[in-house]
Protein backbone atom coordinates (compact mmCIF):
# COMPACT_ATOMS: atom_id res chain seq x y z
CA MET A 1 -105.34 -54.20 -38.04
CA SER A 2 -105.55 -51.05 -40.14
CA PHE A 3 -104.46 -50.75 -43.75
CA PHE A 4 -102.04 -47.98 -42.73
CA ASP A 5 -100.43 -49.73 -39.72
CA ALA A 6 -97.15 -50.23 -41.61
CA ILE A 7 -96.78 -46.47 -42.11
CA SER A 8 -97.73 -45.77 -38.50
CA ILE A 9 -95.22 -48.31 -37.15
CA ALA A 10 -92.44 -46.97 -39.41
CA ALA A 11 -93.25 -43.41 -38.29
CA SER A 12 -93.00 -44.41 -34.63
CA GLY A 13 -89.60 -45.96 -35.40
CA LEU A 14 -88.49 -42.72 -37.04
CA THR A 15 -89.45 -40.80 -33.91
CA ALA A 16 -87.59 -43.22 -31.62
CA GLN A 17 -84.43 -43.09 -33.76
CA ARG A 18 -84.58 -39.30 -33.83
CA VAL A 19 -84.70 -39.24 -30.03
CA ARG A 20 -81.71 -41.64 -29.90
CA MET A 21 -79.78 -39.41 -32.31
CA ASP A 22 -80.63 -36.32 -30.22
CA VAL A 23 -79.30 -37.99 -27.06
CA THR A 24 -76.14 -39.17 -28.83
CA SER A 25 -75.58 -35.66 -30.23
CA GLU A 26 -75.96 -34.16 -26.76
CA ASN A 27 -73.55 -36.73 -25.32
CA LEU A 28 -70.96 -35.88 -27.96
CA ALA A 29 -71.46 -32.13 -27.53
CA ASN A 30 -70.89 -32.41 -23.77
CA ALA A 31 -68.12 -35.03 -23.82
CA ASP A 32 -65.52 -32.47 -22.70
CA THR A 33 -67.72 -30.63 -20.21
CA PRO A 34 -66.95 -31.10 -16.50
CA ILE A 35 -69.75 -32.65 -14.47
CA SER A 36 -71.43 -30.84 -11.64
CA GLY A 37 -73.92 -33.54 -10.72
CA ALA A 38 -76.17 -34.96 -13.46
CA GLY A 39 -75.79 -37.22 -16.47
CA ILE A 40 -77.71 -38.57 -19.57
CA SER A 41 -79.81 -42.29 -22.46
CA GLY A 42 -84.52 -46.07 -24.19
CA ASP A 43 -87.34 -47.54 -26.31
CA ALA A 44 -90.52 -49.63 -25.70
CA ALA A 45 -92.93 -51.42 -28.10
CA GLY A 46 -96.34 -51.21 -29.86
CA GLY A 47 -95.02 -49.66 -32.93
CA VAL A 48 -92.14 -48.17 -31.09
CA GLN A 49 -92.38 -45.72 -28.26
CA VAL A 50 -89.58 -44.06 -26.34
CA GLY A 51 -89.92 -45.25 -22.77
CA GLY A 52 -87.45 -42.76 -21.36
CA ILE A 53 -83.89 -41.55 -21.29
CA VAL A 54 -81.79 -43.10 -18.56
CA ASN A 55 -78.38 -42.43 -17.05
CA ASP A 56 -75.51 -44.72 -18.01
CA PRO A 57 -74.22 -46.37 -14.80
CA THR A 58 -70.60 -46.32 -16.03
CA PRO A 59 -68.54 -44.26 -13.57
CA ASN A 60 -67.44 -40.80 -14.64
CA GLN A 61 -63.80 -40.18 -15.49
CA LEU A 62 -61.43 -38.28 -13.24
CA VAL A 63 -59.04 -36.16 -15.29
CA TYR A 64 -56.06 -34.39 -13.75
CA ASP A 65 -56.43 -30.71 -14.64
CA PRO A 66 -55.45 -28.55 -11.66
CA GLY A 67 -55.97 -25.31 -13.63
CA ASN A 68 -59.63 -26.10 -14.33
CA PRO A 69 -62.06 -24.12 -12.13
CA ALA A 70 -64.10 -27.32 -11.64
CA ALA A 71 -61.08 -29.22 -10.22
CA ASN A 72 -61.31 -30.69 -6.74
CA GLY A 73 -58.66 -30.18 -4.02
CA GLN A 74 -56.37 -32.78 -5.60
CA GLY A 75 -56.61 -31.15 -9.06
CA TYR A 76 -58.98 -33.70 -10.61
CA VAL A 77 -62.05 -32.82 -12.66
CA ARG A 78 -65.02 -35.18 -13.01
CA MET A 79 -65.70 -35.65 -16.71
CA PRO A 80 -68.61 -37.50 -18.36
CA ASN A 81 -68.33 -41.22 -19.06
CA VAL A 82 -68.81 -40.45 -22.77
CA ASN A 83 -66.60 -42.39 -25.16
CA PRO A 84 -66.70 -40.46 -28.48
CA VAL A 85 -65.86 -43.59 -30.52
CA ASN A 86 -68.79 -45.52 -28.99
CA GLU A 87 -71.08 -42.53 -29.50
CA MET A 88 -70.12 -42.30 -33.19
CA VAL A 89 -70.79 -46.03 -33.64
CA ASP A 90 -74.18 -45.52 -31.97
CA MET A 91 -74.88 -42.57 -34.29
CA ILE A 92 -74.13 -44.73 -37.36
CA ASP A 93 -76.47 -47.44 -36.03
CA GLU A 94 -79.20 -44.90 -35.31
CA SER A 95 -78.81 -43.34 -38.75
CA ARG A 96 -79.08 -46.71 -40.49
CA SER A 97 -82.15 -47.63 -38.43
CA TYR A 98 -83.71 -44.28 -39.37
CA GLU A 99 -83.00 -44.99 -43.05
CA SER A 100 -84.56 -48.46 -42.69
CA ASP A 101 -87.73 -46.93 -41.25
CA ILE A 102 -87.89 -44.49 -44.19
CA THR A 103 -87.49 -47.41 -46.61
CA ALA A 104 -90.27 -49.34 -44.85
CA MET A 105 -92.54 -46.30 -45.00
CA ASN A 106 -91.83 -45.71 -48.69
CA THR A 107 -92.40 -49.40 -49.49
CA ALA A 108 -95.77 -49.35 -47.73
CA LYS A 109 -96.70 -46.14 -49.56
CA THR A 110 -95.78 -47.71 -52.92
CA MET A 111 -97.85 -50.81 -52.11
CA TYR A 112 -100.85 -48.65 -51.22
CA GLU A 113 -100.47 -46.65 -54.44
CA LYS A 114 -100.25 -49.82 -56.56
CA THR A 115 -103.31 -51.22 -54.80
CA LEU A 116 -105.24 -48.04 -55.61
CA ASP A 117 -104.07 -48.24 -59.24
CA LEU A 118 -105.39 -51.81 -59.47
CA LEU A 119 -108.77 -50.66 -58.16
CA LYS A 120 -109.14 -48.02 -60.92
């Protein structure tokens, strides 16, 4: 185990949380965009490593909007399964996790600095 593993692990957590925030931001940005076929949202371990972004299996919403060019023959438009309230809660969680990783990194840095001061 390396002396700098704590910083490396915290940095990998920062990267994973940034990816989560990017996905959440994209979900929110496209929440009112009709769907033509695709969708969007993961993490693994060892430090932390993003394993991939997977589709949410929740069915898309059908919204009655006959004037929309994307409407089907009955006047319904397929909209993403994005719930803005859930996405905002996720964003708060991701932001707090990101802040925790920064705190862990700064704590490790302070410990390393104090150790070097003791060795002087």
